[in-house]
Amino acid sequence: MKKETIAINYGYKKDNNRTMNIPIYQTTAYEYESIVSAAKLFALEEEGNIYTRIGNPTTEIFEKRIAKLEGGISAMAVASGMASIFYSIANLVKQGDNVIASTKLYGGTITLLTQTLKSFGVEVKYFDVHKSEELNNLIDNKTKVIIFESIANPSLSVPDFETIVNIADKKGVVTICDNTIATPFGCQPIKLGVDVVVHSASKYIVGNGSAIAGVLVESKKCKTKLKNNEYFSKPDESYHGLVYLDKFKNPFIARAKLALLRDFGAVISPFNSWLLLQGLETLSLRVKQHSKSAKKIAKFLQKQGFKVNYPFLKSDLNYKFAKKYLKYGGGIISFEVDSYEQAKQIVKKLKLFSLVTNIGDSKSIVTHPASTTHQQLTKQELKEAGVPEGLIRLSIGLENVNDLIKDLEKGIH
């Protein structure tokens, strides 16, 4: 089954009502057949619905569908993209461990790593995705995670998947790739050897800015790396000695749901899961159009003399890896002007581009990352993330591309 078909049909078996649209199971709880049955569900001796904090029929269809699209074996939907990143890391690390992260990450991810996880006693180290060999010297016996983005926000850097995965596999370290900008139609990190994929589903997956959500996807190969992690190899006393590696084919997602989602509770609403399912149905078409328009606008901006970041430009630093690992260049462009003041003036003149801190919408968006999404970073962190004060990020929508170019012409002149 091709991905376009999976996005529309996979994982939904019609009930007696034969509804074409997937039902929204907007409920908190489910009636048990008996006390004995309830006890077996809570003891994980039987499969079934317990409480929407741990599982919901509408959400489960989305999870099956996105896991299949990403080439994974299991998925967990959560309340936001940041929740997906936090859970993916927290599922693996404890006090004294360390995480190695790309310098080219979304600002919120960097803040999570340098501030919040640091307060939990977890160290973060950074590497340059264009110099992935650095990982050999950074990894030690406390390294549990390497995290990076398939297309970085907002620098649009593309990593050398092959080098990163080969080093991580030799060292037994779990790789996590944020595939938000590329989407499963633009990049398949799991097929490239990555262990876990995360998304801010609030972006391209939903496609219209109507829902906050995130998702984690586990690969089949991830299980082999969990044998050295005591969270998975030793008994979980909250489930009377259950060992995740022994009990589940998908131990990473199983523990994320049964322990982390149970305790931290960043649960996606069933209605938002339904919105994500609607978004998946048109994702393949949207990604193609977003990318086509973005490339045309990137070329236009380049002709105006700006330094433009777009991975499918032949002059771009990331072009080699982009052509090797990506099907599409994505719908995001960033370009540099001389100063913050110039950036303010350009943004002020734009009419079709809305000043919003979001991406992946059907409507075009402009953002000044240094003063918004990456504001919490130090000057050095901004430099390493590829976010100068004059950087403007564009999320190209589904409007007519010539109208967008005319709007930009007015803004830059």
Protein backbone atom coordinates (compact mmCIF):
# COMPACT_ATOMS: atom_id res chain seq x y z
CA MET A 1 0.00 0.00 0.00
CA LYS A 2 1.42 3.40 -1.03
CA LYS A 3 1.74 6.24 1.49
CA GLU A 4 -1.01 8.32 -0.13
CA THR A 5 -3.43 5.41 0.38
CA ILE A 6 -2.22 4.71 3.92
CA ALA A 7 -2.89 8.34 4.88
CA ILE A 8 -6.55 7.96 3.91
CA ASN A 9 -7.49 4.38 4.72
CA TYR A 10 -5.09 2.62 7.07
CA GLY A 11 -6.14 1.49 10.54
CA TYR A 12 -9.89 2.15 10.34
CA LYS A 13 -12.34 -0.74 10.39
CA LYS A 14 -15.93 0.41 9.99
CA ASP A 15 -18.32 -0.52 12.81
CA ASN A 16 -22.02 -1.45 12.39
CA ASN A 17 -22.90 2.13 11.47
CA ARG A 18 -20.53 1.97 8.47
CA THR A 19 -19.56 5.64 8.77
CA MET A 20 -17.19 6.88 6.08
CA ASN A 21 -15.68 9.39 8.49
CA ILE A 22 -13.85 8.07 11.53
CA PRO A 23 -16.00 8.50 14.67
CA ILE A 24 -14.86 10.88 17.41
CA TYR A 25 -14.88 8.96 20.69
CA GLN A 26 -15.12 12.05 22.87
CA THR A 27 -15.05 10.30 26.23
CA THR A 28 -12.90 10.18 29.33
CA ALA A 29 -13.73 6.64 30.44
CA TYR A 30 -15.05 3.23 29.34
CA GLU A 31 -17.40 0.80 31.08
CA TYR A 32 -15.80 -2.49 32.19
CA GLU A 33 -17.53 -5.82 31.73
CA SER A 34 -16.82 -6.83 35.33
CA ILE A 35 -14.49 -6.23 38.28
CA VAL A 36 -12.43 -9.19 37.10
CA SER A 37 -12.16 -7.74 33.60
CA ALA A 38 -11.20 -4.32 34.96
CA ALA A 39 -8.49 -5.88 37.13
CA LYS A 40 -7.02 -7.71 34.15
CA LEU A 41 -6.94 -4.52 32.09
CA PHE A 42 -5.12 -2.62 34.83
CA ALA A 43 -2.69 -5.52 35.30
CA LEU A 44 -2.01 -5.46 31.52
CA GLU A 45 -3.19 -9.06 31.25
CA GLU A 46 -5.84 -8.06 28.71
CA GLU A 47 -5.92 -5.39 25.98
CA GLY A 48 -8.72 -2.85 25.94
CA ASN A 49 -9.76 0.68 26.80
CA ILE A 50 -9.18 1.85 30.37
CA TYR A 51 -9.14 5.65 30.38
CA THR A 52 -8.49 8.21 27.62
CA ARG A 53 -5.33 9.38 29.40
CA ILE A 54 -3.73 6.12 28.27
CA GLY A 55 -5.70 5.32 25.12
CA ASN A 56 -8.69 6.26 22.97
CA PRO A 57 -10.16 4.60 19.83
CA THR A 58 -9.99 7.76 17.69
CA THR A 59 -6.44 8.50 18.79
CA GLU A 60 -5.43 4.88 18.21
CA ILE A 61 -6.38 5.11 14.52
CA PHE A 62 -4.22 8.20 14.11
CA GLU A 63 -1.34 6.45 15.91
CA LYS A 64 -1.58 3.39 13.65
CA ARG A 65 -1.74 5.57 10.55
CA ILE A 66 1.23 7.82 11.36
CA ALA A 67 3.33 4.83 12.50
CA LYS A 68 2.69 3.14 9.16
CA LEU A 69 3.49 6.31 7.22
CA GLU A 70 6.80 6.69 9.07
CA GLY A 71 7.72 3.03 8.64
CA GLY A 72 7.54 2.42 12.39
CA ILE A 73 5.88 -0.27 14.49
CA SER A 74 4.05 1.88 17.04
CA ALA A 75 3.18 5.48 17.88
CA MET A 76 1.92 7.62 20.74
CA ALA A 77 0.02 10.86 20.17
CA VAL A 78 0.32 13.57 22.82
CA ALA A 79 -0.96 17.07 23.55
CA SER A 80 1.84 19.05 21.84
CA GLY A 81 5.04 18.82 19.86
CA MET A 82 7.09 19.78 22.91
CA ALA A 83 5.41 16.98 24.86
CA SER A 84 6.53 14.51 22.18
CA ILE A 85 10.13 15.72 22.44
CA PHE A 86 10.09 15.67 26.25
CA TYR A 87 8.58 12.18 26.46
CA SER A 88 10.96 10.76 23.85
CA ILE A 89 13.97 11.92 25.88
CA ALA A 90 12.54 11.38 29.38
CA ASN A 91 11.72 7.81 28.38
CA LEU A 92 15.47 7.11 28.16
CA VAL A 93 17.40 9.32 30.57
CA LYS A 94 17.87 9.63 34.31
CA GLN A 95 19.95 11.86 36.56
CA GLY A 96 23.60 11.70 35.56
CA ASP A 97 22.96 10.76 31.93
CA ASN A 98 23.63 12.98 28.94
CA VAL A 99 21.98 13.86 25.64
CA ILE A 100 23.86 14.91 22.49
CA ALA A 101 21.89 17.40 20.42
CA SER A 102 22.34 19.13 17.11
CA THR A 103 23.16 22.83 17.44
CA LYS A 104 20.55 23.40 14.72
CA LEU A 105 17.29 22.85 16.60
CA TYR A 106 14.00 24.60 17.27
CA GLY A 107 14.48 27.11 20.10
CA GLY A 108 12.01 25.39 22.42
CA THR A 109 13.92 22.13 22.14
CA ILE A 110 17.20 23.86 23.01
CA THR A 111 15.58 25.50 26.05
CA LEU A 112 14.17 22.14 27.17
CA LEU A 113 17.64 20.62 26.97
CA THR A 114 19.71 23.43 28.46
CA GLN A 115 17.29 24.55 31.18
CA THR A 116 14.61 22.03 32.16
CA LEU A 117 16.51 18.77 31.68
CA LYS A 118 19.59 20.36 33.21
CA SER A 119 17.56 20.98 36.37
CA PHE A 120 16.75 17.24 36.38
CA GLY A 121 20.45 16.42 36.40
CA VAL A 122 20.69 15.55 32.69
CA GLU A 123 23.65 17.03 30.78
CA VAL A 124 23.45 18.19 27.16
CA LYS A 125 26.31 18.28 24.64
CA TYR A 126 26.08 19.71 21.13
CA PHE A 127 27.35 18.64 17.73
CA ASP A 128 27.36 20.16 14.25
CA VAL A 129 25.25 18.13 11.80
CA HIS A 130 27.73 19.07 9.07
CA LYS A 131 30.56 17.59 11.15
CA SER A 132 28.83 14.48 12.47
CA GLU A 133 32.16 12.72 13.05
CA GLU A 134 32.33 14.82 16.24
CA LEU A 135 29.96 12.29 17.79
CA ASN A 136 32.77 9.77 18.13
CA ASN A 137 34.46 12.01 20.70
CA LEU A 138 31.28 13.21 22.41
CA ILE A 139 29.63 9.86 23.20
CA ASP A 140 30.48 8.26 26.54
CA ASN A 141 28.93 5.54 28.71
CA LYS A 142 26.32 7.99 30.03
CA THR A 143 25.08 9.05 26.59
CA LYS A 144 21.52 7.84 26.05
CA VAL A 145 20.23 9.98 23.19
CA ILE A 146 21.30 11.77 20.01
CA ILE A 147 18.62 14.20 18.83
CA PHE A 148 18.45 16.19 15.58
CA GLU A 149 15.96 17.45 12.98
CA SER A 150 15.53 16.17 9.41
CA ILE A 151 15.19 19.79 8.28
CA ALA A 152 16.22 22.18 11.03
CA ASN A 153 14.01 25.05 12.14
CA PRO A 154 14.81 27.80 11.10
CA SER A 155 18.34 27.28 9.65
CA LEU A 156 17.02 24.50 7.36
CA SER A 157 20.16 22.43 7.91
CA VAL A 158 19.95 18.82 6.72
CA PRO A 159 21.92 16.21 8.70
CA ASP A 160 24.18 13.48 7.40
CA PHE A 161 21.86 10.66 8.45
CA GLU A 162 24.25 7.92 7.38
CA THR A 163 27.15 9.09 9.52
CA ILE A 164 24.99 9.86 12.56
CA VAL A 165 23.17 6.53 12.45
CA ASN A 166 26.34 4.48 11.87
CA ILE A 167 28.10 6.04 14.87
CA ALA A 168 25.02 5.76 17.09
CA ASP A 169 24.49 2.10 16.17
CA LYS A 170 28.10 1.20 16.91
CA LYS A 171 27.86 2.92 20.31
CA GLY A 172 24.36 1.63 21.11
CA VAL A 173 22.85 5.11 21.46
CA VAL A 174 19.20 5.81 20.59
CA THR A 175 18.68 8.35 17.78
CA ILE A 176 15.68 10.68 17.81
CA CYS A 177 14.78 12.70 14.70
CA ASP A 178 12.25 15.52 14.64
CA ASN A 179 10.60 15.15 11.22
CA THR A 180 8.13 18.03 11.57
CA ILE A 181 9.19 20.13 8.58
CA ALA A 182 9.96 17.30 6.15
CA THR A 183 6.90 15.15 7.10
CA PRO A 184 6.74 11.41 6.23
CA PHE A 185 6.21 12.38 2.59
CA GLY A 186 9.43 14.39 2.41
CA CYS A 187 11.74 12.21 4.50
CA GLN A 188 11.67 8.74 6.06
CA PRO A 189 14.14 8.83 8.99
CA ILE A 190 13.30 5.30 10.16
CA LYS A 191 14.17 3.87 6.74
CA LEU A 192 17.43 5.80 7.06
CA GLY A 193 18.16 3.96 10.33
CA VAL A 194 16.77 6.32 12.98
CA ASP A 195 15.29 4.71 16.11
CA VAL A 196 12.56 7.19 17.11
CA VAL A 197 10.77 9.91 15.13
CA VAL A 198 8.87 12.82 16.67
CA HIS A 199 6.57 15.44 15.19
CA SER A 200 4.89 18.62 16.18
CA ALA A 201 1.64 17.52 14.57
CA SER A 202 0.35 21.08 15.06
CA LYS A 203 2.27 22.00 11.90
CA TYR A 204 2.05 20.19 8.57
CA ILE A 205 0.12 17.15 9.78
CA VAL A 206 -2.98 19.09 10.78
CA GLY A 207 -2.17 21.66 8.10
CA ASN A 208 -4.39 24.57 9.08
CA GLY A 209 -3.42 25.66 12.57
CA SER A 210 -6.53 24.18 14.20
CA ALA A 211 -4.96 21.78 16.73
CA ILE A 212 -1.98 21.54 19.09
CA ALA A 213 -0.55 18.02 19.08
CA GLY A 214 2.57 15.87 18.92
CA VAL A 215 3.47 12.28 18.19
CA LEU A 216 6.31 9.80 18.82
CA VAL A 217 7.00 6.85 16.49
CA GLU A 218 9.12 3.80 17.41
CA SER A 219 11.15 1.83 14.87
CA LYS A 220 11.51 -1.95 14.96
CA LYS A 221 15.28 -1.71 15.52
CA CYS A 222 14.90 0.53 18.58
CA LYS A 223 14.26 -2.49 20.84
CA THR A 224 17.81 -3.82 20.49
CA LYS A 225 19.26 -0.60 21.94
CA LEU A 226 16.96 -0.68 24.97
CA LYS A 227 18.57 -3.82 26.40
CA ASN A 228 21.16 -1.70 28.19
CA ASN A 229 18.60 0.73 29.59
CA GLU A 230 17.31 -0.24 33.04
CA TYR A 231 13.92 1.40 32.42
CA PHE A 232 13.24 -1.39 29.92
CA SER A 233 15.43 -4.27 31.09
CA LYS A 234 14.57 -4.18 34.81
CA PRO A 235 11.20 -4.69 36.52
CA ASP A 236 8.76 -1.78 36.75
CA GLU A 237 7.44 -2.03 40.32
CA SER A 238 4.39 0.10 39.51
CA TYR A 239 3.22 -2.87 37.41
CA HIS A 240 4.33 -5.50 39.94
CA GLY A 241 7.61 -6.36 38.28
CA LEU A 242 6.69 -6.08 34.60
CA VAL A 243 9.73 -5.93 32.28
CA TYR A 244 8.95 -3.93 29.14
CA LEU A 245 11.47 -5.72 26.95
CA ASP A 246 9.94 -9.09 27.86
CA LYS A 247 6.30 -8.04 27.61
CA PHE A 248 6.12 -5.84 24.50
CA LYS A 249 7.24 -5.83 20.86
CA ASN A 250 7.13 -2.03 21.11
CA PRO A 251 8.76 -1.40 24.51
CA PHE A 252 9.64 2.25 23.86
CA ILE A 253 6.07 3.35 23.13
CA ALA A 254 4.64 0.93 25.70
CA ARG A 255 6.63 2.53 28.52
CA ALA A 256 5.99 6.04 27.21
CA LYS A 257 2.24 5.39 27.43
CA LEU A 258 2.01 3.20 30.51
CA ALA A 259 4.46 5.17 32.67
CA LEU A 260 5.08 8.68 31.34
CA LEU A 261 1.67 9.47 29.85
CA ARG A 262 0.06 7.87 32.91
CA ASP A 263 2.06 10.08 35.29
CA PHE A 264 2.60 13.33 33.36
CA GLY A 265 -0.68 13.28 31.47
CA ALA A 266 -0.04 15.45 28.38
CA VAL A 267 -2.99 13.74 26.68
CA ILE A 268 -4.27 14.65 23.25
CA SER A 269 -8.04 15.19 23.04
CA PRO A 270 -9.94 12.75 20.79
CA PHE A 271 -11.25 15.69 18.78
CA ASN A 272 -7.71 16.87 18.03
CA SER A 273 -6.80 13.31 16.99
CA TRP A 274 -9.72 13.45 14.56
CA LEU A 275 -8.48 16.78 13.18
CA LEU A 276 -5.05 15.22 12.62
CA LEU A 277 -6.66 12.36 10.73
CA GLN A 278 -8.37 14.87 8.43
CA GLY A 279 -5.01 16.56 7.89
CA LEU A 280 -3.23 13.32 7.01
CA GLU A 281 -5.65 12.71 4.14
CA THR A 282 -4.36 15.71 2.19
CA LEU A 283 -0.79 15.85 3.52
CA SER A 284 0.85 14.36 0.43
CA LEU A 285 -0.76 16.95 -1.83
CA ARG A 286 0.00 19.85 0.48
CA VAL A 287 3.66 18.98 1.03
CA LYS A 288 4.20 18.80 -2.72
CA GLN A 289 2.61 22.23 -3.29
CA HIS A 290 4.24 23.88 -0.26
CA SER A 291 7.63 22.69 -1.53
CA LYS A 292 7.03 23.73 -5.14
CA SER A 293 6.03 27.26 -4.11
CA ALA A 294 8.82 27.54 -1.53
CA LYS A 295 11.50 26.69 -4.08
CA LYS A 296 10.17 29.33 -6.49
CA ILE A 297 10.11 31.99 -3.76
CA ALA A 298 13.60 30.97 -2.55
CA LYS A 299 14.94 31.54 -6.07
CA PHE A 300 13.15 34.91 -6.24
CA LEU A 301 14.68 36.06 -2.93
CA GLN A 302 18.10 34.86 -4.01
CA LYS A 303 17.86 36.98 -7.17
CA GLN A 304 17.18 40.00 -4.94
CA GLY A 305 20.62 39.51 -3.40
CA PHE A 306 19.62 37.96 -0.07
CA LYS A 307 21.39 35.04 1.59
CA VAL A 308 18.65 32.42 1.36
CA ASN A 309 18.41 29.13 3.24
CA TYR A 310 16.51 26.46 1.32
CA PRO A 311 17.88 22.91 1.04
CA PHE A 312 16.88 22.37 -2.61
CA LEU A 313 18.81 25.41 -3.89
CA LYS A 314 21.96 24.16 -5.63
CA SER A 315 23.97 26.89 -3.91
CA ASP A 316 22.77 25.86 -0.44
CA LEU A 317 25.23 24.31 2.01
CA ASN A 318 22.74 21.47 2.60
CA TYR A 319 22.02 20.65 -1.04
CA LYS A 320 24.16 17.50 -1.12
CA PHE A 321 22.45 15.91 1.89
CA ALA A 322 19.04 17.24 0.87
CA LYS A 323 19.19 15.49 -2.50
CA LYS A 324 20.45 12.32 -0.82
CA TYR A 325 17.90 12.09 1.99
CA LEU A 326 14.86 14.22 1.10
CA LYS A 327 12.13 13.85 -1.50
CA TYR A 328 10.96 17.47 -1.13
CA GLY A 329 12.66 20.62 0.13
CA GLY A 330 9.75 21.52 2.38
CA GLY A 331 7.68 24.66 2.73
CA ILE A 332 10.02 26.72 4.92
CA ILE A 333 12.48 29.38 3.75
CA SER A 334 14.70 31.64 5.82
CA PHE A 335 16.66 34.61 4.53
CA GLU A 336 18.96 37.19 6.06
CA VAL A 337 18.72 40.97 6.01
CA ASP A 338 21.26 43.40 7.42
CA SER A 339 19.66 44.09 10.80
CA TYR A 340 16.78 43.60 13.20
CA GLU A 341 15.45 47.03 12.19
CA GLN A 342 15.37 46.09 8.52
CA ALA A 343 13.62 42.82 9.38
CA LYS A 344 10.95 44.77 11.30
CA GLN A 345 10.33 47.06 8.34
CA ILE A 346 9.97 44.18 5.87
CA VAL A 347 7.59 42.24 8.10
CA LYS A 348 5.49 45.36 8.70
CA LYS A 349 4.90 45.87 4.96
CA LEU A 350 3.72 42.31 4.26
CA LYS A 351 -0.02 41.78 3.80
CA LEU A 352 -0.47 38.13 2.75
CA PHE A 353 2.09 36.82 5.22
CA SER A 354 0.73 36.83 8.78
CA LEU A 355 3.14 37.51 11.66
CA VAL A 356 2.67 34.26 13.58
CA THR A 357 4.93 31.83 15.45
CA ASN A 358 3.77 28.74 13.62
CA ILE A 359 4.62 26.85 10.43
CA GLY A 360 2.91 24.37 8.14
CA ASP A 361 -0.35 26.28 7.81
CA SER A 362 -2.32 26.57 4.58
CA LYS A 363 -1.90 30.33 5.08
CA SER A 364 1.53 31.91 4.63
CA ILE A 365 3.36 33.00 7.77
CA VAL A 366 6.33 35.24 8.56
CA THR A 367 8.36 35.02 11.78
CA HIS A 368 11.41 36.74 13.24
CA PRO A 369 13.00 33.79 15.13
CA ALA A 370 15.63 35.70 17.15
CA SER A 371 12.96 37.78 18.92
CA THR A 372 10.33 35.02 19.29
CA THR A 373 10.89 31.26 18.94
CA HIS A 374 14.60 31.49 19.82
CA GLN A 375 14.45 34.48 22.18
CA GLN A 376 15.47 32.43 25.26
CA LEU A 377 18.81 31.50 23.67
CA THR A 378 22.09 33.25 24.46
CA LYS A 379 23.94 35.11 21.69
CA GLN A 380 26.32 32.17 21.34
CA GLU A 381 23.46 29.68 21.15
CA LEU A 382 21.76 31.83 18.50
CA LYS A 383 24.95 31.86 16.46
CA GLU A 384 25.35 28.08 16.72
CA ALA A 385 21.68 27.55 15.83
CA GLY A 386 22.09 29.66 12.68
CA VAL A 387 19.73 32.39 13.87
CA PRO A 388 21.23 35.88 13.33
CA GLU A 389 19.24 38.99 14.30
CA GLY A 390 18.43 39.70 10.66
CA LEU A 391 16.98 36.25 9.90
CA ILE A 392 13.39 36.13 8.63
CA ARG A 393 11.55 32.81 8.40
CA LEU A 394 8.77 32.23 5.89
CA SER A 395 6.29 29.38 6.02
CA ILE A 396 4.91 29.20 2.50
CA GLY A 397 1.19 28.49 2.37
CA LEU A 398 -1.12 27.29 -0.37
CA GLU A 399 -1.96 30.69 -1.86
CA ASN A 400 -1.04 31.44 -5.46
CA VAL A 401 2.74 31.68 -5.49
CA ASN A 402 2.77 34.75 -7.74
CA ASP A 403 0.59 36.62 -5.26
CA LEU A 404 3.06 35.76 -2.51
CA ILE A 405 5.99 36.97 -4.59
CA LYS A 406 4.22 40.28 -5.28
CA ASP A 407 3.63 40.69 -1.53
CA LEU A 408 7.32 40.05 -0.84
CA GLU A 409 8.34 42.52 -3.54
CA LYS A 410 6.41 45.23 -1.72
CA GLY A 411 7.95 44.20 1.58
CA ILE A 412 11.59 44.25 0.51
CA HIS A 413 11.49 47.42 -1.61
